[in-house]
Amino acid sequence: MTEEGVRPSLIVEVVSPTYRQNDLVTKVQHYLQARGPCYVIIDREEDEDPPTLIGYAYHPNGWLPMPTDAHGRLWL
């Protein structure tokens, strides 16, 4: 990001079962520093679970949760 001189428009994180803590906690703070307007996490607690989308919109004071619709989809 820094090399290109632009900020990302959308950040998407696919959670890894091996690095769950890193993907759901640590990276959330790192991506806040990137100040992309939209951050989406694709998560499955168990391999057989359907994916869950977690969306955030950037705000200078921290990420604001984005609501999903009745089908669990996000408006991006």
N, C-alpha and C. Protein backbone atom coordinates (compact mmCIF):
# COMPACT_ATOMS: atom_id res chain seq x y z
N MET A 1 0.82 -1.19 0.00
CA MET A 1 0.00 0.00 0.00
C MET A 1 0.86 1.25 0.00
N THR A 2 1.84 1.27 0.86
CA THR A 2 2.69 2.44 0.97
C THR A 2 3.46 2.69 -0.32
N GLU A 3 3.95 1.62 -0.93
CA GLU A 3 4.75 1.76 -2.14
C GLU A 3 3.96 2.40 -3.27
N GLU A 4 2.66 2.08 -3.38
CA GLU A 4 1.83 2.61 -4.45
C GLU A 4 1.32 4.01 -4.15
N GLY A 5 1.37 4.42 -2.91
CA GLY A 5 0.91 5.74 -2.53
C GLY A 5 -0.61 5.89 -2.49
N VAL A 6 -1.33 4.79 -2.35
CA VAL A 6 -2.79 4.83 -2.27
C VAL A 6 -3.27 4.00 -1.10
N ARG A 7 -4.49 4.27 -0.68
CA ARG A 7 -5.11 3.48 0.38
C ARG A 7 -6.04 2.46 -0.27
N PRO A 8 -6.21 1.30 0.35
CA PRO A 8 -7.11 0.31 -0.23
C PRO A 8 -8.56 0.78 -0.15
N SER A 9 -9.37 0.40 -1.13
CA SER A 9 -10.80 0.71 -1.10
C SER A 9 -11.57 -0.35 -0.33
N LEU A 10 -11.06 -1.56 -0.35
CA LEU A 10 -11.71 -2.68 0.32
C LEU A 10 -10.64 -3.63 0.82
N ILE A 11 -10.75 -4.04 2.07
CA ILE A 11 -9.85 -5.03 2.65
C ILE A 11 -10.70 -6.25 2.98
N VAL A 12 -10.27 -7.42 2.50
CA VAL A 12 -10.99 -8.66 2.78
C VAL A 12 -10.04 -9.63 3.46
N GLU A 13 -10.45 -10.14 4.60
CA GLU A 13 -9.66 -11.10 5.37
C GLU A 13 -10.43 -12.41 5.43
N VAL A 14 -9.80 -13.49 4.99
CA VAL A 14 -10.37 -14.82 5.14
C VAL A 14 -9.68 -15.46 6.34
N VAL A 15 -10.46 -15.77 7.37
CA VAL A 15 -9.90 -16.27 8.62
C VAL A 15 -9.35 -17.68 8.43
N SER A 16 -8.14 -17.85 8.91
CA SER A 16 -7.49 -19.16 8.90
C SER A 16 -7.69 -19.82 10.26
N PRO A 17 -8.09 -21.10 10.29
CA PRO A 17 -8.27 -21.76 11.59
C PRO A 17 -6.99 -21.77 12.42
N THR A 18 -5.86 -21.84 11.77
CA THR A 18 -4.58 -21.87 12.48
C THR A 18 -4.24 -20.52 13.11
N TYR A 19 -4.63 -19.43 12.45
CA TYR A 19 -4.26 -18.09 12.90
C TYR A 19 -5.49 -17.26 13.28
N ARG A 20 -6.48 -17.92 13.84
CA ARG A 20 -7.75 -17.28 14.16
C ARG A 20 -7.59 -16.01 15.01
N GLN A 21 -6.85 -16.09 16.08
CA GLN A 21 -6.64 -14.92 16.97
C GLN A 21 -6.00 -13.77 16.19
N ASN A 22 -5.01 -14.07 15.41
CA ASN A 22 -4.33 -13.05 14.62
C ASN A 22 -5.29 -12.41 13.61
N ASP A 23 -6.07 -13.23 12.93
CA ASP A 23 -6.97 -12.73 11.89
C ASP A 23 -8.14 -11.93 12.45
N LEU A 24 -8.64 -12.30 13.62
CA LEU A 24 -9.83 -11.65 14.18
C LEU A 24 -9.54 -10.54 15.18
N VAL A 25 -8.31 -10.45 15.67
CA VAL A 25 -7.98 -9.43 16.67
C VAL A 25 -6.83 -8.55 16.19
N THR A 26 -5.68 -9.13 16.00
CA THR A 26 -4.48 -8.35 15.68
C THR A 26 -4.63 -7.59 14.36
N LYS A 27 -5.03 -8.29 13.31
CA LYS A 27 -5.12 -7.66 12.00
C LYS A 27 -6.21 -6.59 11.94
N VAL A 28 -7.24 -6.72 12.76
CA VAL A 28 -8.29 -5.71 12.79
C VAL A 28 -7.68 -4.35 13.13
N GLN A 29 -6.79 -4.32 14.10
CA GLN A 29 -6.13 -3.07 14.49
C GLN A 29 -5.14 -2.60 13.41
N HIS A 30 -4.43 -3.53 12.81
CA HIS A 30 -3.48 -3.16 11.75
C HIS A 30 -4.21 -2.54 10.57
N TYR A 31 -5.32 -3.14 10.17
CA TYR A 31 -6.06 -2.62 9.02
C TYR A 31 -6.74 -1.29 9.33
N LEU A 32 -7.02 -1.02 10.58
CA LEU A 32 -7.57 0.29 10.95
C LEU A 32 -6.55 1.38 10.62
N GLN A 33 -5.28 1.08 10.83
CA GLN A 33 -4.23 2.05 10.51
C GLN A 33 -4.15 2.32 9.01
N ALA A 34 -4.55 1.35 8.18
CA ALA A 34 -4.53 1.54 6.73
C ALA A 34 -5.66 2.47 6.27
N ARG A 35 -6.66 2.64 7.11
CA ARG A 35 -7.78 3.55 6.86
C ARG A 35 -8.53 3.28 5.56
N GLY A 36 -8.65 2.01 5.21
CA GLY A 36 -9.51 1.68 4.08
C GLY A 36 -10.96 1.91 4.49
N PRO A 37 -11.82 2.33 3.58
CA PRO A 37 -13.20 2.65 3.97
C PRO A 37 -14.04 1.44 4.35
N CYS A 38 -13.64 0.25 3.89
CA CYS A 38 -14.45 -0.93 4.13
C CYS A 38 -13.56 -2.14 4.39
N TYR A 39 -13.89 -2.89 5.43
CA TYR A 39 -13.11 -4.06 5.83
C TYR A 39 -14.07 -5.21 6.07
N VAL A 40 -13.85 -6.33 5.40
CA VAL A 40 -14.74 -7.48 5.51
C VAL A 40 -13.93 -8.69 5.97
N ILE A 41 -14.49 -9.42 6.93
CA ILE A 41 -13.89 -10.65 7.42
C ILE A 41 -14.82 -11.80 7.02
N ILE A 42 -14.25 -12.82 6.39
CA ILE A 42 -14.99 -14.03 6.06
C ILE A 42 -14.53 -15.09 7.05
N ASP A 43 -15.46 -15.58 7.85
CA ASP A 43 -15.11 -16.45 8.97
C ASP A 43 -15.95 -17.71 8.97
N ARG A 44 -15.34 -18.79 9.44
CA ARG A 44 -16.02 -20.05 9.75
C ARG A 44 -15.43 -20.55 11.06
N GLU A 45 -16.27 -20.75 12.04
CA GLU A 45 -15.74 -21.27 13.30
C GLU A 45 -15.32 -22.72 13.17
N GLU A 46 -16.07 -23.49 12.38
CA GLU A 46 -15.74 -24.89 12.11
C GLU A 46 -15.70 -25.06 10.59
N ASP A 47 -14.91 -26.01 10.09
CA ASP A 47 -14.77 -26.20 8.65
C ASP A 47 -16.09 -26.43 7.95
N GLU A 48 -17.01 -27.14 8.59
CA GLU A 48 -18.28 -27.46 7.94
C GLU A 48 -19.32 -26.34 8.07
N ASP A 49 -19.05 -25.31 8.84
CA ASP A 49 -19.98 -24.19 9.00
C ASP A 49 -20.03 -23.35 7.73
N PRO A 50 -21.19 -22.75 7.45
CA PRO A 50 -21.24 -21.80 6.34
C PRO A 50 -20.44 -20.55 6.71
N PRO A 51 -19.88 -19.86 5.72
CA PRO A 51 -19.11 -18.66 6.05
C PRO A 51 -20.00 -17.56 6.62
N THR A 52 -19.43 -16.82 7.54
CA THR A 52 -20.08 -15.66 8.14
C THR A 52 -19.33 -14.42 7.68
N LEU A 53 -20.06 -13.39 7.28
CA LEU A 53 -19.44 -12.13 6.90
C LEU A 53 -19.54 -11.15 8.06
N ILE A 54 -18.42 -10.52 8.36
CA ILE A 54 -18.35 -9.48 9.37
C ILE A 54 -17.82 -8.25 8.65
N GLY A 55 -18.60 -7.18 8.63
CA GLY A 55 -18.19 -5.98 7.91
C GLY A 55 -17.98 -4.81 8.84
N TYR A 56 -16.99 -3.99 8.48
CA TYR A 56 -16.69 -2.78 9.23
C TYR A 56 -16.52 -1.61 8.27
N ALA A 57 -16.97 -0.45 8.69
CA ALA A 57 -16.74 0.79 7.96
C ALA A 57 -15.76 1.62 8.78
N TYR A 58 -14.82 2.26 8.09
CA TYR A 58 -13.80 3.05 8.78
C TYR A 58 -14.41 4.29 9.43
N HIS A 59 -13.95 4.57 10.62
CA HIS A 59 -14.23 5.82 11.33
C HIS A 59 -12.95 6.16 12.08
N PRO A 60 -12.57 7.44 12.16
CA PRO A 60 -11.31 7.79 12.84
C PRO A 60 -11.19 7.26 14.27
N ASN A 61 -12.31 7.04 14.93
CA ASN A 61 -12.28 6.52 16.31
C ASN A 61 -12.29 5.00 16.38
N GLY A 62 -12.37 4.34 15.24
CA GLY A 62 -12.40 2.88 15.22
C GLY A 62 -13.39 2.36 14.20
N TRP A 63 -13.36 1.07 13.97
CA TRP A 63 -14.27 0.46 13.00
C TRP A 63 -15.71 0.52 13.49
N LEU A 64 -16.63 0.82 12.57
CA LEU A 64 -18.05 0.78 12.87
C LEU A 64 -18.62 -0.48 12.23
N PRO A 65 -19.35 -1.29 12.98
CA PRO A 65 -19.92 -2.51 12.41
C PRO A 65 -20.90 -2.20 11.29
N MET A 66 -20.84 -2.99 10.23
CA MET A 66 -21.78 -2.87 9.12
C MET A 66 -22.85 -3.94 9.30
N PRO A 67 -24.11 -3.58 9.19
CA PRO A 67 -25.15 -4.60 9.35
C PRO A 67 -25.23 -5.52 8.13
N THR A 68 -25.57 -6.77 8.38
CA THR A 68 -25.85 -7.71 7.28
C THR A 68 -27.36 -7.75 7.07
N ASP A 69 -27.75 -8.19 5.88
CA ASP A 69 -29.19 -8.31 5.62
C ASP A 69 -29.71 -9.63 6.19
N ALA A 70 -30.95 -9.95 5.92
CA ALA A 70 -31.58 -11.15 6.48
C ALA A 70 -30.90 -12.43 6.02
N HIS A 71 -30.14 -12.36 4.92
CA HIS A 71 -29.43 -13.53 4.39
C HIS A 71 -27.97 -13.55 4.77
N GLY A 72 -27.53 -12.61 5.63
CA GLY A 72 -26.15 -12.55 6.06
C GLY A 72 -25.22 -11.89 5.07
N ARG A 73 -25.78 -11.13 4.11
CA ARG A 73 -24.97 -10.46 3.08
C ARG A 73 -24.68 -9.02 3.50
N LEU A 74 -23.58 -8.52 2.97
CA LEU A 74 -23.19 -7.12 3.21
C LEU A 74 -23.35 -6.32 1.93
N TRP A 75 -23.79 -5.08 2.09
CA TRP A 75 -23.84 -4.17 0.97
C TRP A 75 -22.48 -3.47 0.89
N LEU A 76 -21.74 -3.78 -0.17
CA LEU A 76 -20.40 -3.20 -0.32
C LEU A 76 -20.45 -2.15 -1.39
